[in-house]
Amino acid sequence: MPKIPIIMPQLGESIAEATVVRLTANVGEQIETDQEVLEVETNKAVMSVTTPCPGVIHSFIVEVNETYDVGSVLGYIEASVEDAERLNAAQISVASHGFTNNEQRSQDFFADSESESPRDLQIPMSENGARFQSPRVRARLLQLGFHPQDIGVIPGTGAANRVTLRDLESYVTEVEQHPSKKASPMRLAVADSMRRSWTRPLATLGVSISLEPILAHRKTLSPSPGPALYLAKALAVALSEYPQSAARLVGDKIILPSSIDIGVAVEVEDGVIVPVFTSLDKQPLAALPAQYKKFLHAAREKRLPEEAKRPSLASVTNFGTLGVHWATPIPLPNETLIMGLGYGEKRPYWDEKTERFVPRLEAELTISFDHRVIDGGQSGRLVRRIMELLAKPELL
């Protein structure tokens, strides 16, 4: 008679393994469909493992008080040919619809041999399953100083492509064979900030703006502010008028700002530093170039003054200096949003007064924001106000 495996099921979205605590059926016992045959314990509860079809318990291949991964074979049932064919057909259907990512799509899911490897089994499971790590893998990651994201490139051989401890050790051995260097403290700090930032749902929108009003206004000031300072000042004024857009979500509370502090991203060796302008909405635009020059020099020396180190509500970045037209910058963990300015170029613009196309220097303005705090309409109104201010920079 065909032997059908009893498999450790997916016991919860974040459950990667479970411990067998009791066998509730005996070898040779006649069983029915969905009859409990084992009890297993996770870090959340004691749960039952049931049978996929009627038959006779052929064997158990597990030990009580031992822990097994989801997808592991726990035992076998001797079943009818009809049930074996029915379950095998159902399993193939699940695999064909993409509910498993296993590279090996074995056609003999129901084996006549107890030596079959669990990694060859097609376990119906969410494709997100590969993101979860067992406690043993997590402990080893911590010991190695790795983050869970660091193993996203590892092809897992566990159930639903989970990364096993053996997979992790093989990956570490492979990595050690490649040329490498110690990451700088700056690079590690940037990586940590971006990991924490990415835990939030972020959204981005963009618009085209004319740079000509800014360029014309710059000629009236000496020293003249750069485009990033115009953007930062406009953002500060707009946020003072729409403080909800500068709020932070902490638990079940919306924390409104007490000061409109805006950062300006500065590229330094192996990273980025963001000096902060305190109460920027209240500072005159003409005073910003000297302050920015001081911050720029200090940032490149990695010796920012204390007043420039305070957490910012938002920041700006001028990726247009790199020839980039459009980007989706990521706000720092303490920030609700970040605005970016793209590369300026001449484009045809329809002039309603003359009813003809005229050349105009334009660039893309983007805003990436924490969608838990800011919605699309709110961000759109904020950007529209910033556009109005940049179109009339004398208002800044």
Protein backbone atom coordinates (compact mmCIF):
# COMPACT_ATOMS: atom_id res chain seq x y z
CA MET A 1 0.00 0.00 0.00
CA PRO A 2 1.21 3.56 -0.65
CA LYS A 3 2.71 5.43 2.27
CA ILE A 4 1.53 8.99 2.80
CA PRO A 5 3.69 11.25 4.99
CA ILE A 6 2.39 12.99 8.10
CA ILE A 7 3.90 16.45 7.82
CA MET A 8 4.53 19.18 10.37
CA PRO A 9 2.00 21.78 9.19
CA GLN A 10 2.28 25.55 9.05
CA LEU A 11 0.99 26.31 12.57
CA GLY A 12 0.97 30.08 12.27
CA GLU A 13 2.33 32.76 9.99
CA SER A 14 5.48 33.31 12.03
CA ILE A 15 5.99 29.72 13.26
CA ALA A 16 9.04 27.99 11.78
CA GLU A 17 9.24 24.91 14.02
CA ALA A 18 7.48 23.02 16.79
CA THR A 19 8.33 20.46 19.46
CA VAL A 20 6.62 17.07 19.57
CA VAL A 21 5.13 16.67 23.06
CA ARG A 22 2.92 13.56 22.68
CA LEU A 23 1.95 10.80 20.26
CA THR A 24 -1.83 10.42 20.42
CA ALA A 25 -2.07 7.41 18.08
CA ASN A 26 -0.23 4.10 17.91
CA VAL A 27 1.58 2.33 15.10
CA GLY A 28 -0.86 -0.08 13.47
CA GLU A 29 -3.92 1.88 14.61
CA GLN A 30 -6.73 2.48 12.15
CA ILE A 31 -7.31 6.22 11.77
CA GLU A 32 -9.77 8.52 9.98
CA THR A 33 -9.33 11.76 8.05
CA ASP A 34 -8.38 14.75 10.24
CA GLN A 35 -7.81 12.53 13.28
CA GLU A 36 -5.25 13.86 15.77
CA VAL A 37 -2.11 11.73 15.83
CA LEU A 38 0.42 14.03 17.50
CA GLU A 39 0.52 17.04 19.78
CA VAL A 40 3.17 19.66 19.15
CA GLU A 41 4.09 22.80 21.04
CA THR A 42 5.20 26.14 19.59
CA ASN A 43 6.28 29.23 21.46
CA LYS A 44 2.61 30.24 21.46
CA ALA A 45 0.44 27.16 22.10
CA VAL A 46 0.02 23.39 22.06
CA MET A 47 -1.55 22.28 18.79
CA SER A 48 -2.64 19.08 17.07
CA VAL A 49 -1.28 17.44 13.96
CA THR A 50 -3.98 15.55 12.09
CA THR A 51 -4.08 13.05 9.26
CA PRO A 52 -4.76 13.93 5.60
CA CYS A 53 -6.76 10.76 4.90
CA PRO A 54 -7.98 7.48 6.46
CA GLY A 55 -5.62 4.55 6.78
CA VAL A 56 -3.31 2.76 9.21
CA ILE A 57 -0.42 4.36 11.10
CA HIS A 58 2.66 2.77 9.53
CA SER A 59 5.34 4.51 11.61
CA PHE A 60 6.45 7.61 13.48
CA ILE A 61 9.96 8.88 12.76
CA VAL A 62 10.15 11.55 15.46
CA GLU A 63 11.06 11.64 19.13
CA VAL A 64 9.01 13.24 21.88
CA ASN A 65 10.54 16.50 23.18
CA GLU A 66 12.48 16.98 19.97
CA THR A 67 11.96 20.04 17.75
CA TYR A 68 11.24 19.79 14.02
CA ASP A 69 10.91 22.37 11.25
CA VAL A 70 7.63 23.09 9.53
CA GLY A 71 7.42 20.72 6.58
CA SER A 72 9.31 17.90 8.29
CA VAL A 73 8.00 14.35 7.89
CA LEU A 74 6.74 13.11 11.26
CA GLY A 75 5.54 9.67 10.21
CA TYR A 76 3.72 7.68 7.55
CA ILE A 77 0.22 6.36 6.93
CA GLU A 78 -0.59 3.32 4.85
CA ALA A 79 -3.48 4.47 2.68
CA SER A 80 -5.48 3.34 -0.31
CA VAL A 81 -4.22 3.91 -3.85
CA GLU A 82 -7.24 6.14 -4.50
CA ASP A 83 -6.43 8.45 -1.56
CA ALA A 84 -2.76 8.58 -2.50
CA GLU A 85 -3.60 9.57 -6.08
CA ARG A 86 -6.17 12.14 -4.91
CA LEU A 87 -3.79 13.82 -2.47
CA ASN A 88 -0.93 13.73 -4.93
CA ALA A 89 -3.10 15.43 -7.57
CA ALA A 90 -4.14 18.11 -5.09
CA GLN A 91 -0.52 18.73 -4.13
CA ILE A 92 0.57 19.13 -7.76
CA SER A 93 -2.28 21.61 -8.26
CA VAL A 94 -1.10 23.68 -5.30
CA ALA A 95 2.46 23.74 -6.62
CA SER A 96 1.32 24.78 -10.11
CA HIS A 97 -0.47 27.80 -8.65
CA GLY A 98 2.69 29.12 -7.06
CA PHE A 99 2.09 28.41 -3.38
CA THR A 100 5.56 26.87 -3.09
CA ASN A 101 8.96 28.05 -4.22
CA ASN A 102 10.84 24.76 -3.95
CA GLU A 103 13.21 24.24 -6.84
CA GLN A 104 12.74 20.47 -6.79
CA ARG A 105 9.17 19.68 -7.83
CA SER A 106 9.12 16.00 -7.03
CA GLN A 107 6.34 14.03 -8.70
CA ASP A 108 6.58 11.21 -6.16
CA PHE A 109 5.45 13.30 -3.18
CA PHE A 110 4.02 10.18 -1.55
CA ALA A 111 7.05 7.93 -1.27
CA ASP A 112 7.43 4.27 -0.67
CA SER A 113 10.64 4.98 1.20
CA GLU A 114 11.03 6.57 4.59
CA SER A 115 14.39 7.98 3.55
CA GLU A 116 12.84 10.78 1.52
CA SER A 117 14.27 14.18 2.42
CA PRO A 118 11.77 16.71 3.77
CA ARG A 119 13.28 19.39 1.55
CA ASP A 120 11.87 17.56 -1.49
CA LEU A 121 8.31 17.74 -0.19
CA GLN A 122 5.92 20.21 -1.74
CA ILE A 123 4.41 21.84 1.34
CA PRO A 124 1.43 24.12 0.65
CA MET A 125 2.66 27.29 2.33
CA SER A 126 2.70 31.01 1.83
CA GLU A 127 5.65 32.14 -0.25
CA ASN A 128 6.46 34.51 2.62
CA GLY A 129 7.50 31.50 4.65
CA ALA A 130 11.10 31.82 3.54
CA ARG A 131 11.37 35.06 5.48
CA PHE A 132 11.04 33.39 8.86
CA GLN A 133 14.01 32.03 10.79
CA SER A 134 14.00 29.35 13.43
CA PRO A 135 15.30 30.22 16.92
CA ARG A 136 18.51 28.35 16.17
CA VAL A 137 19.11 30.36 12.99
CA ARG A 138 18.27 33.63 14.75
CA ALA A 139 20.68 32.81 17.59
CA ARG A 140 23.46 32.07 15.10
CA LEU A 141 22.73 35.30 13.22
CA LEU A 142 23.09 37.21 16.48
CA GLN A 143 26.34 35.42 17.26
CA LEU A 144 27.73 36.32 13.83
CA GLY A 145 26.59 39.92 14.11
CA PHE A 146 24.29 39.50 11.11
CA HIS A 147 20.86 41.02 10.55
CA PRO A 148 17.94 38.94 9.24
CA GLN A 149 18.09 41.00 6.03
CA ASP A 150 21.66 39.83 5.45
CA ILE A 151 20.50 36.31 4.62
CA GLY A 152 17.83 37.28 2.11
CA VAL A 153 20.12 36.16 -0.72
CA ILE A 154 20.60 32.65 0.66
CA PRO A 155 18.71 29.93 -1.26
CA GLY A 156 17.06 28.03 1.57
CA THR A 157 16.74 24.26 1.45
CA GLY A 158 14.18 23.98 4.27
CA ALA A 159 10.43 23.76 3.96
CA ALA A 160 9.07 26.51 1.69
CA ASN A 161 12.69 27.54 1.06
CA ARG A 162 13.36 28.46 4.68
CA VAL A 163 17.01 29.10 5.47
CA THR A 164 18.30 26.35 7.72
CA LEU A 165 21.30 26.47 10.04
CA ARG A 166 23.24 24.40 7.52
CA ASP A 167 22.36 26.89 4.75
CA LEU A 168 23.58 29.75 6.94
CA GLU A 169 26.89 28.06 7.75
CA SER A 170 27.49 27.25 4.08
CA TYR A 171 26.81 30.88 3.18
CA VAL A 172 29.23 32.14 5.83
CA THR A 173 31.93 29.80 4.51
CA GLU A 174 31.33 31.06 0.97
CA VAL A 175 31.42 34.72 2.01
CA GLU A 176 34.74 34.23 3.80
CA GLN A 177 36.30 33.13 0.51
CA HIS A 178 35.58 36.50 -1.16
CA PRO A 179 37.71 39.63 -0.87
CA SER A 180 36.29 41.89 1.82
CA LYS A 181 37.02 44.83 4.06
CA LYS A 182 35.65 46.05 7.35
CA ALA A 183 32.66 48.36 6.90
CA SER A 184 33.34 51.85 8.19
CA PRO A 185 31.42 53.16 11.22
CA MET A 186 29.75 55.67 8.88
CA ARG A 187 28.54 52.95 6.51
CA LEU A 188 27.25 50.83 9.41
CA ALA A 189 25.42 53.85 10.83
CA VAL A 190 23.77 54.56 7.47
CA ALA A 191 22.81 50.90 7.08
CA ASP A 192 21.27 50.82 10.54
CA SER A 193 19.28 54.01 9.89
CA MET A 194 17.93 52.72 6.60
CA ARG A 195 16.92 49.38 8.13
CA ARG A 196 14.96 51.18 10.85
CA SER A 197 13.44 53.60 8.36
CA TRP A 198 12.23 50.79 6.12
CA THR A 199 10.07 49.30 8.90
CA ARG A 200 7.51 52.00 8.06
CA PRO A 201 5.17 52.13 5.05
CA LEU A 202 6.74 54.80 2.84
CA ALA A 203 5.18 56.43 -0.20
CA THR A 204 6.56 58.86 -2.80
CA LEU A 205 5.04 61.43 -5.14
CA GLY A 206 6.66 63.86 -7.52
CA VAL A 207 5.97 67.02 -9.54
CA SER A 208 7.83 69.18 -12.05
CA ILE A 209 8.79 72.68 -10.92
CA SER A 210 10.36 75.68 -12.63
CA LEU A 211 13.81 76.59 -11.36
CA GLU A 212 13.86 79.98 -13.04
CA PRO A 213 12.30 81.97 -10.16
CA ILE A 214 14.93 80.52 -7.81
CA LEU A 215 17.80 81.30 -10.18
CA ALA A 216 16.57 84.85 -10.66
CA HIS A 217 16.18 85.41 -6.92
CA ARG A 218 19.64 84.04 -6.16
CA LYS A 219 21.16 86.95 -8.03
CA THR A 220 19.68 89.38 -5.49
CA LEU A 221 21.47 87.78 -2.52
CA SER A 222 25.16 87.61 -1.64
CA PRO A 223 26.26 85.03 -0.77
CA SER A 224 23.55 83.33 -2.80
CA PRO A 225 21.73 80.25 -1.44
CA GLY A 226 21.88 77.03 -3.41
CA PRO A 227 18.69 75.31 -4.65
CA ALA A 228 18.73 72.90 -1.69
CA LEU A 229 18.50 75.82 0.75
CA TYR A 230 15.53 77.27 -1.14
CA LEU A 231 13.89 73.88 -0.95
CA ALA A 232 14.65 73.51 2.76
CA LYS A 233 13.31 76.97 3.57
CA ALA A 234 10.14 76.41 1.52
CA LEU A 235 9.62 73.05 3.22
CA ALA A 236 10.03 74.65 6.65
CA VAL A 237 7.50 77.39 5.92
CA ALA A 238 5.01 74.88 4.49
CA LEU A 239 5.37 72.58 7.51
CA SER A 240 4.80 75.50 9.87
CA GLU A 241 1.48 76.00 8.07
CA TYR A 242 0.69 72.27 7.92
CA PRO A 243 2.20 70.93 11.20
CA GLN A 244 0.28 67.66 10.87
CA SER A 245 2.61 66.79 7.99
CA ALA A 246 5.58 67.06 10.35
CA ALA A 247 3.99 64.96 13.09
CA ARG A 248 5.25 61.56 14.27
CA LEU A 249 3.21 58.52 15.20
CA VAL A 250 4.24 57.11 18.60
CA GLY A 251 2.00 54.30 19.80
CA ASP A 252 -1.54 55.63 19.50
CA LYS A 253 -0.53 59.30 19.65
CA ILE A 254 0.26 61.88 16.97
CA ILE A 255 3.18 63.95 18.27
CA LEU A 256 3.18 67.47 16.80
CA PRO A 257 6.45 69.39 16.40
CA SER A 258 7.54 72.09 18.82
CA SER A 259 10.16 73.41 16.41
CA ILE A 260 10.48 73.16 12.63
CA ASP A 261 13.98 71.65 12.38
CA ILE A 262 15.01 70.68 8.85
CA GLY A 263 18.07 68.70 7.78
CA VAL A 264 20.05 69.08 4.55
CA ALA A 265 21.83 65.93 3.35
CA VAL A 266 25.57 66.27 2.75
CA GLU A 267 27.59 63.55 1.03
CA VAL A 268 30.73 62.59 2.91
CA GLU A 269 33.23 59.79 2.52
CA ASP A 270 31.39 56.44 2.60
CA GLY A 271 28.07 57.91 3.67
CA VAL A 272 25.78 60.86 4.27
CA ILE A 273 25.56 63.35 7.16
CA VAL A 274 22.48 65.50 7.69
CA PRO A 275 23.21 68.78 9.54
CA VAL A 276 20.04 70.31 10.97
CA PHE A 277 18.83 73.92 10.77
CA THR A 278 16.90 74.72 13.96
CA SER A 279 13.56 76.58 13.61
CA LEU A 280 14.28 77.06 9.93
CA ASP A 281 10.84 78.57 9.28
CA LYS A 282 11.87 81.56 11.43
CA GLN A 283 15.33 82.09 9.92
CA PRO A 284 15.84 84.56 7.05
CA LEU A 285 16.85 82.99 3.77
CA ALA A 286 19.77 85.39 3.41
CA ALA A 287 21.36 84.05 6.61
CA LEU A 288 21.38 80.43 5.47
CA PRO A 289 24.38 80.32 3.08
CA ALA A 290 26.93 81.23 5.77
CA GLN A 291 25.42 78.75 8.19
CA TYR A 292 25.30 76.05 5.51
CA LYS A 293 28.96 76.65 4.60
CA LYS A 294 29.90 76.17 8.25
CA PHE A 295 27.84 72.97 8.47
CA LEU A 296 29.22 71.66 5.17
CA HIS A 297 32.83 72.02 6.29
CA ALA A 298 32.06 70.50 9.70
CA ALA A 299 30.14 67.60 8.12
CA ARG A 300 33.03 66.69 5.86
CA GLU A 301 35.31 66.75 8.87
CA LYS A 302 32.67 64.72 10.74
CA ARG A 303 32.68 67.33 13.50
CA LEU A 304 29.22 68.87 13.40
CA PRO A 305 28.43 71.40 16.13
CA GLU A 306 25.91 70.30 18.71
CA GLU A 307 23.15 72.57 17.37
CA ALA A 308 23.36 70.77 14.02
CA LYS A 309 23.00 67.30 15.53
CA ARG A 310 19.48 67.51 16.92
CA PRO A 311 16.84 65.25 15.34
CA SER A 312 15.10 66.76 12.32
CA LEU A 313 11.42 66.60 11.40
CA ALA A 314 12.25 66.32 7.72
CA SER A 315 15.18 66.80 5.39
CA VAL A 316 16.03 67.69 1.82
CA THR A 317 18.48 66.20 -0.62
CA ASN A 318 19.66 67.55 -3.97
CA PHE A 319 20.28 64.45 -6.05
CA GLY A 320 20.19 66.63 -9.15
CA THR A 321 23.86 67.47 -8.57
CA LEU A 322 24.58 63.88 -9.64
CA GLY A 323 22.66 64.28 -12.90
CA VAL A 324 19.73 62.25 -11.53
CA HIS A 325 16.26 63.34 -12.63
CA TRP A 326 14.03 61.36 -10.25
CA ALA A 327 14.58 59.38 -7.06
CA THR A 328 12.80 58.05 -3.99
CA PRO A 329 15.00 59.05 -1.04
CA ILE A 330 14.25 57.47 2.34
CA PRO A 331 13.61 59.66 5.41
CA LEU A 332 15.68 59.02 8.52
CA PRO A 333 13.97 57.02 11.30
CA ASN A 334 13.20 60.19 13.29
CA GLU A 335 11.83 62.00 10.21
CA THR A 336 8.33 61.92 8.77
CA LEU A 337 9.36 62.93 5.26
CA ILE A 338 12.21 63.85 2.94
CA MET A 339 12.14 66.03 -0.17
CA GLY A 340 14.45 65.66 -3.14
CA LEU A 341 15.35 67.88 -6.08
CA GLY A 342 16.34 66.42 -9.44
CA TYR A 343 18.57 67.56 -12.28
CA GLY A 344 17.52 70.82 -13.97
CA GLU A 345 17.09 70.86 -17.74
CA LYS A 346 15.43 72.98 -20.41
CA ARG A 347 11.97 71.72 -21.38
CA PRO A 348 9.20 73.10 -23.58
CA TYR A 349 6.53 74.85 -21.50
CA TRP A 350 3.15 76.04 -22.78
CA ASP A 351 2.77 79.74 -22.03
CA GLU A 352 -0.91 80.62 -21.75
CA LYS A 353 -0.26 84.33 -22.28
CA THR A 354 1.59 83.97 -25.57
CA GLU A 355 -0.11 80.70 -26.50
CA ARG A 356 3.12 79.07 -27.55
CA PHE A 357 5.76 76.74 -26.19
CA VAL A 358 8.73 78.44 -24.56
CA PRO A 359 11.89 76.89 -23.09
CA ARG A 360 11.91 76.70 -19.30
CA LEU A 361 14.43 75.27 -16.84
CA GLU A 362 12.63 72.56 -14.87
CA ALA A 363 13.43 69.83 -12.36
CA GLU A 364 11.54 67.07 -10.58
CA LEU A 365 10.60 67.59 -6.97
CA THR A 366 9.85 64.43 -4.96
CA ILE A 367 8.55 63.81 -1.47
CA SER A 368 8.84 60.47 0.33
CA PHE A 369 6.78 60.24 3.50
CA ASP A 370 5.58 58.02 6.31
CA HIS A 371 2.18 56.91 5.05
CA ARG A 372 0.99 56.13 8.57
CA VAL A 373 1.01 59.87 9.30
CA ILE A 374 0.55 61.54 5.90
CA ASP A 375 -2.03 60.56 3.30
CA GLY A 376 -2.02 61.32 -0.41
CA GLY A 377 -4.24 64.40 -0.20
CA GLN A 378 -2.27 65.83 2.69
CA SER A 379 1.06 65.32 0.91
CA GLY A 380 -0.38 66.79 -2.29
CA ARG A 381 -1.46 69.98 -0.53
CA LEU A 382 1.93 70.25 1.15
CA VAL A 383 3.74 69.94 -2.17
CA ARG A 384 1.40 72.45 -3.81
CA ARG A 385 2.21 74.99 -1.08
CA ILE A 386 5.94 74.37 -1.53
CA MET A 387 5.55 74.92 -5.27
CA GLU A 388 3.82 78.24 -4.60
CA LEU A 389 6.67 79.36 -2.32
CA LEU A 390 9.36 78.33 -4.81
CA ALA A 391 7.52 80.16 -7.58
CA LYS A 392 7.71 83.35 -5.44
CA PRO A 393 10.95 82.97 -3.47
CA GLU A 394 10.72 86.55 -2.22
CA LEU A 395 8.06 85.18 0.17
CA LEU A 396 10.73 83.07 1.86
